[in-house]
Amino acid sequence: MRIVSGKFKGRRIKAPKNLPVRPTTDMAKESLFNIINNEYYFDKLTVLDLFSGTGNIAIEFASRGAPQITAVDKHSACIKQINDLNREFDTDITTYRMDVFKYLDQAATKYKLIFADPPYDFSQELFESIVQKVFDNNLLLEEGLLVVEHSKHTELNHLKHFQYDKRYGGNVFSFFSYEE
């Protein structure tokens, strides 16, 4: 995995092989960040990275200047990886080792951008629950964006607040916001 842009551009992230993750591919990540770059100023973003895994997405946001990044994952090895990256890159990503659904129910902060990359083998109901909890708990700031990464076998375009999706091979990013 490499950092696509920003002050850490070109640096590689090495993750332990035993992490229970499926990292976002460099091509898909670059495309996602191009979309975000067209809508937002990174230095104004408050970011929540759900199912953070390797920390790949959180570090990409940090590289591009996002001032507040929160990473949530239930696996202690993933949180250790992100904390190690925090030290290596001298970033200030806040980490929480906890179940994402619990975090969404307890979160007191609103975010401009929420990125969720749950396991692709999640049920349709669990994917839908992520979207529902974000909006029911009012976790997005006005003009904020929720991005859910999933496989082409999961459909989220029927959900309230769905805006559009982008497909990259077997990866799909579904975008949600308050806009009608």
C-alpha atoms as a PDB file:
ATOM      1  CA  MET A   1       0.000   0.000   0.000  1.00  0.00           C
ATOM      2  CA  ARG A   2       1.309   3.422  -0.861  1.00  0.00           C
ATOM      3  CA  ILE A   3       0.282   6.909   0.111  1.00  0.00           C
ATOM      4  CA  VAL A   4      -1.115   8.565  -3.007  1.00  0.00           C
ATOM      5  CA  SER A   5      -0.778  12.283  -2.260  1.00  0.00           C
ATOM      6  CA  GLY A   6       0.123  14.896   0.310  1.00  0.00           C
ATOM      7  CA  LYS A   7       3.157  15.294   2.508  1.00  0.00           C
ATOM      8  CA  PHE A   8       3.734  11.520   2.733  1.00  0.00           C
ATOM      9  CA  LYS A   9       3.184  10.884  -0.997  1.00  0.00           C
ATOM     10  CA  GLY A  10       4.908   7.780  -2.287  1.00  0.00           C
ATOM     11  CA  ARG A  11       5.703   6.306   1.110  1.00  0.00           C
ATOM     12  CA  ARG A  12       4.626   2.731   1.632  1.00  0.00           C
ATOM     13  CA  ILE A  13       2.590   1.338   4.487  1.00  0.00           C
ATOM     14  CA  LYS A  14       3.584  -2.131   5.542  1.00  0.00           C
ATOM     15  CA  ALA A  15       0.990  -4.001   7.520  1.00  0.00           C
ATOM     16  CA  PRO A  16       1.540  -7.240   9.418  1.00  0.00           C
ATOM     17  CA  LYS A  17       0.295 -10.231   7.469  1.00  0.00           C
ATOM     18  CA  ASN A  18      -1.853 -11.478  10.355  1.00  0.00           C
ATOM     19  CA  LEU A  19      -4.280  -8.514  10.343  1.00  0.00           C
ATOM     20  CA  PRO A  20      -7.896  -9.511   9.632  1.00  0.00           C
ATOM     21  CA  VAL A  21      -8.233  -6.980   6.787  1.00  0.00           C
ATOM     22  CA  ARG A  22      -8.842  -6.425   3.087  1.00  0.00           C
ATOM     23  CA  PRO A  23      -7.133  -3.092   2.328  1.00  0.00           C
ATOM     24  CA  THR A  24      -8.621  -0.693  -0.209  1.00  0.00           C
ATOM     25  CA  THR A  25      -6.563  -1.017  -3.386  1.00  0.00           C
ATOM     26  CA  ASP A  26      -4.302   1.867  -4.389  1.00  0.00           C
ATOM     27  CA  MET A  27      -6.272   2.420  -7.605  1.00  0.00           C
ATOM     28  CA  ALA A  28      -9.633   2.560  -5.825  1.00  0.00           C
ATOM     29  CA  LYS A  29      -8.190   4.733  -3.040  1.00  0.00           C
ATOM     30  CA  GLU A  30      -6.734   7.207  -5.538  1.00  0.00           C
ATOM     31  CA  SER A  31     -10.090   7.452  -7.330  1.00  0.00           C
ATOM     32  CA  LEU A  32     -11.958   7.949  -4.038  1.00  0.00           C
ATOM     33  CA  PHE A  33      -9.630  10.712  -2.915  1.00  0.00           C
ATOM     34  CA  ASN A  34      -9.923  12.460  -6.285  1.00  0.00           C
ATOM     35  CA  ILE A  35     -13.705  12.571  -5.781  1.00  0.00           C
ATOM     36  CA  ILE A  36     -13.318  13.903  -2.233  1.00  0.00           C
ATOM     37  CA  ASN A  37     -10.732  16.457  -3.388  1.00  0.00           C
ATOM     38  CA  ASN A  38     -13.264  17.889  -5.854  1.00  0.00           C
ATOM     39  CA  GLU A  39     -15.813  18.475  -3.056  1.00  0.00           C
ATOM     40  CA  TYR A  40     -13.839  19.403   0.063  1.00  0.00           C
ATOM     41  CA  TYR A  41     -10.729  21.112   1.379  1.00  0.00           C
ATOM     42  CA  PHE A  42      -8.808  18.452   3.246  1.00  0.00           C
ATOM     43  CA  ASP A  43      -7.510  20.939   5.822  1.00  0.00           C
ATOM     44  CA  LYS A  44     -11.131  21.570   6.893  1.00  0.00           C
ATOM     45  CA  LEU A  45     -12.223  17.921   7.175  1.00  0.00           C
ATOM     46  CA  THR A  46     -13.139  16.106  10.346  1.00  0.00           C
ATOM     47  CA  VAL A  47     -12.908  12.421   9.462  1.00  0.00           C
ATOM     48  CA  LEU A  48     -14.234   9.206  10.976  1.00  0.00           C
ATOM     49  CA  ASP A  49     -12.654   6.033   9.569  1.00  0.00           C
ATOM     50  CA  LEU A  50     -14.759   2.990  10.497  1.00  0.00           C
ATOM     51  CA  PHE A  51     -13.359  -0.552  10.257  1.00  0.00           C
ATOM     52  CA  SER A  52      -9.954   1.137   9.943  1.00  0.00           C
ATOM     53  CA  GLY A  53      -7.904  -2.020   9.491  1.00  0.00           C
ATOM     54  CA  THR A  54      -4.388  -1.160   8.331  1.00  0.00           C
ATOM     55  CA  GLY A  55      -4.855   2.582   8.779  1.00  0.00           C
ATOM     56  CA  ASN A  56      -4.360   3.072   5.048  1.00  0.00           C
ATOM     57  CA  ILE A  57      -7.297   5.489   4.656  1.00  0.00           C
ATOM     58  CA  ALA A  58      -6.663   7.394   7.900  1.00  0.00           C
ATOM     59  CA  ILE A  59      -3.011   7.996   6.992  1.00  0.00           C
ATOM     60  CA  GLU A  60      -4.039   9.151   3.502  1.00  0.00           C
ATOM     61  CA  PHE A  61      -6.325  11.765   5.092  1.00  0.00           C
ATOM     62  CA  ALA A  62      -3.506  12.807   7.457  1.00  0.00           C
ATOM     63  CA  SER A  63      -1.086  13.086   4.544  1.00  0.00           C
ATOM     64  CA  ARG A  64      -3.492  15.461   2.822  1.00  0.00           C
ATOM     65  CA  GLY A  65      -3.845  17.674   5.888  1.00  0.00           C
ATOM     66  CA  ALA A  66      -7.091  16.609   7.584  1.00  0.00           C
ATOM     67  CA  PRO A  67      -6.791  18.102  11.094  1.00  0.00           C
ATOM     68  CA  GLN A  68      -9.056  15.672  12.987  1.00  0.00           C
ATOM     69  CA  ILE A  69      -9.136  11.961  12.203  1.00  0.00           C
ATOM     70  CA  THR A  70     -10.742   9.251  14.308  1.00  0.00           C
ATOM     71  CA  ALA A  71     -10.121   5.575  13.505  1.00  0.00           C
ATOM     72  CA  VAL A  72     -12.307   2.798  14.926  1.00  0.00           C
ATOM     73  CA  ASP A  73     -11.693  -0.946  14.716  1.00  0.00           C
ATOM     74  CA  LYS A  74     -12.518  -3.790  17.092  1.00  0.00           C
ATOM     75  CA  HIS A  75      -9.270  -5.683  16.492  1.00  0.00           C
ATOM     76  CA  SER A  76      -6.435  -4.772  18.851  1.00  0.00           C
ATOM     77  CA  ALA A  77      -3.807  -5.658  16.212  1.00  0.00           C
ATOM     78  CA  CYS A  78      -5.382  -3.117  13.821  1.00  0.00           C
ATOM     79  CA  ILE A  79      -5.397  -0.389  16.463  1.00  0.00           C
ATOM     80  CA  LYS A  80      -1.767  -1.216  17.309  1.00  0.00           C
ATOM     81  CA  GLN A  81      -0.919  -0.893  13.589  1.00  0.00           C
ATOM     82  CA  ILE A  82      -2.586   2.540  13.380  1.00  0.00           C
ATOM     83  CA  ASN A  83      -0.883   3.698  16.581  1.00  0.00           C
ATOM     84  CA  ASP A  84       2.466   2.527  15.161  1.00  0.00           C
ATOM     85  CA  LEU A  85       1.742   4.535  11.995  1.00  0.00           C
ATOM     86  CA  ASN A  86       0.877   7.539  14.177  1.00  0.00           C
ATOM     87  CA  ARG A  87       4.382   7.374  15.646  1.00  0.00           C
ATOM     88  CA  GLU A  88       6.098   6.610  12.330  1.00  0.00           C
ATOM     89  CA  PHE A  89       4.437   9.485  10.443  1.00  0.00           C
ATOM     90  CA  ASP A  90       4.114  11.806  13.458  1.00  0.00           C
ATOM     91  CA  THR A  91       0.353  12.161  12.980  1.00  0.00           C
ATOM     92  CA  ASP A  92      -2.400  12.628  15.534  1.00  0.00           C
ATOM     93  CA  ILE A  93      -5.056  10.074  14.592  1.00  0.00           C
ATOM     94  CA  THR A  94      -7.339   9.265  17.528  1.00  0.00           C
ATOM     95  CA  THR A  95      -7.968   5.523  17.787  1.00  0.00           C
ATOM     96  CA  TYR A  96     -10.719   3.513  19.446  1.00  0.00           C
ATOM     97  CA  ARG A  97     -10.610  -0.250  19.837  1.00  0.00           C
ATOM     98  CA  MET A  98     -14.286  -1.046  19.919  1.00  0.00           C
ATOM     99  CA  ASP A  99     -17.168  -2.414  17.937  1.00  0.00           C
ATOM    100  CA  VAL A 100     -18.100   0.083  15.203  1.00  0.00           C
ATOM    101  CA  PHE A 101     -21.836  -0.242  15.861  1.00  0.00           C
ATOM    102  CA  LYS A 102     -21.290   0.576  19.558  1.00  0.00           C
ATOM    103  CA  TYR A 103     -19.171   3.553  18.574  1.00  0.00           C
ATOM    104  CA  LEU A 104     -21.897   4.824  16.245  1.00  0.00           C
ATOM    105  CA  ASP A 105     -24.413   4.596  19.090  1.00  0.00           C
ATOM    106  CA  GLN A 106     -22.147   6.418  21.557  1.00  0.00           C
ATOM    107  CA  ALA A 107     -20.354   8.992  19.398  1.00  0.00           C
ATOM    108  CA  ALA A 108     -20.788  12.579  20.537  1.00  0.00           C
ATOM    109  CA  THR A 109     -18.843  14.150  17.663  1.00  0.00           C
ATOM    110  CA  LYS A 110     -20.189  15.073  14.236  1.00  0.00           C
ATOM    111  CA  TYR A 111     -17.947  14.585  11.213  1.00  0.00           C
ATOM    112  CA  LYS A 112     -17.676  16.163   7.794  1.00  0.00           C
ATOM    113  CA  LEU A 113     -16.635  12.844   6.253  1.00  0.00           C
ATOM    114  CA  ILE A 114     -17.285   9.307   7.442  1.00  0.00           C
ATOM    115  CA  PHE A 115     -15.644   6.409   5.618  1.00  0.00           C
ATOM    116  CA  ALA A 116     -16.762   2.837   6.347  1.00  0.00           C
ATOM    117  CA  ASP A 117     -15.007  -0.204   4.923  1.00  0.00           C
ATOM    118  CA  PRO A 118     -16.624  -3.198   6.653  1.00  0.00           C
ATOM    119  CA  PRO A 119     -15.830  -6.786   5.744  1.00  0.00           C
ATOM    120  CA  TYR A 120     -17.309  -7.629   2.362  1.00  0.00           C
ATOM    121  CA  ASP A 121     -18.960 -10.725   3.839  1.00  0.00           C
ATOM    122  CA  PHE A 122     -21.198  -8.589   6.064  1.00  0.00           C
ATOM    123  CA  SER A 123     -24.879  -9.217   5.520  1.00  0.00           C
ATOM    124  CA  GLN A 124     -26.979  -6.721   3.588  1.00  0.00           C
ATOM    125  CA  GLU A 125     -28.644  -5.802   6.892  1.00  0.00           C
ATOM    126  CA  LEU A 126     -25.329  -4.932   8.557  1.00  0.00           C
ATOM    127  CA  PHE A 127     -24.315  -2.676   5.650  1.00  0.00           C
ATOM    128  CA  GLU A 128     -27.695  -0.956   5.834  1.00  0.00           C
ATOM    129  CA  SER A 129     -27.342  -0.619   9.611  1.00  0.00           C
ATOM    130  CA  ILE A 130     -24.146   1.420   9.217  1.00  0.00           C
ATOM    131  CA  VAL A 131     -25.923   3.955   7.017  1.00  0.00           C
ATOM    132  CA  GLN A 132     -29.001   4.018   9.252  1.00  0.00           C
ATOM    133  CA  LYS A 133     -26.969   4.563  12.445  1.00  0.00           C
ATOM    134  CA  VAL A 134     -24.934   7.415  10.932  1.00  0.00           C
ATOM    135  CA  PHE A 135     -28.091   9.304   9.966  1.00  0.00           C
ATOM    136  CA  ASP A 136     -30.305   8.287  12.906  1.00  0.00           C
ATOM    137  CA  ASN A 137     -27.584   9.409  15.339  1.00  0.00           C
ATOM    138  CA  ASN A 138     -26.976  12.606  13.359  1.00  0.00           C
ATOM    139  CA  LEU A 139     -23.212  12.015  13.046  1.00  0.00           C
ATOM    140  CA  LEU A 140     -22.691  13.944   9.808  1.00  0.00           C
ATOM    141  CA  LEU A 141     -22.230  17.679   9.745  1.00  0.00           C
ATOM    142  CA  GLU A 142     -24.341  19.654   7.290  1.00  0.00           C
ATOM    143  CA  GLU A 143     -22.974  19.059   3.776  1.00  0.00           C
ATOM    144  CA  GLY A 144     -21.104  16.069   5.176  1.00  0.00           C
ATOM    145  CA  LEU A 145     -20.483  12.832   3.306  1.00  0.00           C
ATOM    146  CA  LEU A 146     -20.723   9.162   4.233  1.00  0.00           C
ATOM    147  CA  VAL A 147     -18.799   6.782   1.969  1.00  0.00           C
ATOM    148  CA  VAL A 148     -19.335   3.034   2.325  1.00  0.00           C
ATOM    149  CA  GLU A 149     -17.004   0.652   0.518  1.00  0.00           C
ATOM    150  CA  HIS A 150     -18.522  -2.700  -0.409  1.00  0.00           C
ATOM    151  CA  SER A 151     -18.461  -5.429  -3.037  1.00  0.00           C
ATOM    152  CA  LYS A 152     -20.430  -5.322  -6.260  1.00  0.00           C
ATOM    153  CA  HIS A 153     -22.733  -7.965  -4.735  1.00  0.00           C
ATOM    154  CA  THR A 154     -24.088  -5.520  -2.132  1.00  0.00           C
ATOM    155  CA  GLU A 155     -26.623  -2.886  -3.199  1.00  0.00           C
ATOM    156  CA  LEU A 156     -27.168   0.233  -1.127  1.00  0.00           C
ATOM    157  CA  ASN A 157     -28.754   2.517  -3.733  1.00  0.00           C
ATOM    158  CA  HIS A 158     -32.264   1.977  -2.311  1.00  0.00           C
ATOM    159  CA  LEU A 159     -31.389   3.560   1.044  1.00  0.00           C
ATOM    160  CA  LYS A 160     -32.451   7.028   2.125  1.00  0.00           C
ATOM    161  CA  HIS A 161     -29.737   9.666   1.638  1.00  0.00           C
ATOM    162  CA  PHE A 162     -28.070   7.655  -1.174  1.00  0.00           C
ATOM    163  CA  GLN A 163     -26.539   9.996  -3.768  1.00  0.00           C
ATOM    164  CA  TYR A 164     -24.521   7.832  -6.187  1.00  0.00           C
ATOM    165  CA  ASP A 165     -21.956   5.069  -6.375  1.00  0.00           C
ATOM    166  CA  LYS A 166     -18.660   4.545  -8.170  1.00  0.00           C
ATOM    167  CA  ARG A 167     -17.449   1.120  -9.212  1.00  0.00           C
ATOM    168  CA  TYR A 168     -13.821   0.037  -9.541  1.00  0.00           C
ATOM    169  CA  GLY A 169     -13.614  -3.618 -10.535  1.00  0.00           C
ATOM    170  CA  GLY A 170     -15.176  -5.561  -7.666  1.00  0.00           C
ATOM    171  CA  ASN A 171     -15.046  -2.529  -5.329  1.00  0.00           C
ATOM    172  CA  VAL A 172     -17.936  -0.089  -4.992  1.00  0.00           C
ATOM    173  CA  PHE A 173     -18.040   3.211  -3.105  1.00  0.00           C
ATOM    174  CA  SER A 174     -21.579   4.327  -2.205  1.00  0.00           C
ATOM    175  CA  PHE A 175     -21.978   7.998  -1.298  1.00  0.00           C
ATOM    176  CA  PHE A 176     -24.604   9.325   1.110  1.00  0.00           C
ATOM    177  CA  SER A 177     -25.445  12.842   2.286  1.00  0.00           C
ATOM    178  CA  TYR A 178     -28.312  14.966   3.569  1.00  0.00           C
ATOM    179  CA  GLU A 179     -28.717  16.629   0.156  1.00  0.00           C
ATOM    180  CA  GLU A 180     -31.841  15.752  -1.745  1.00  0.00           C
END
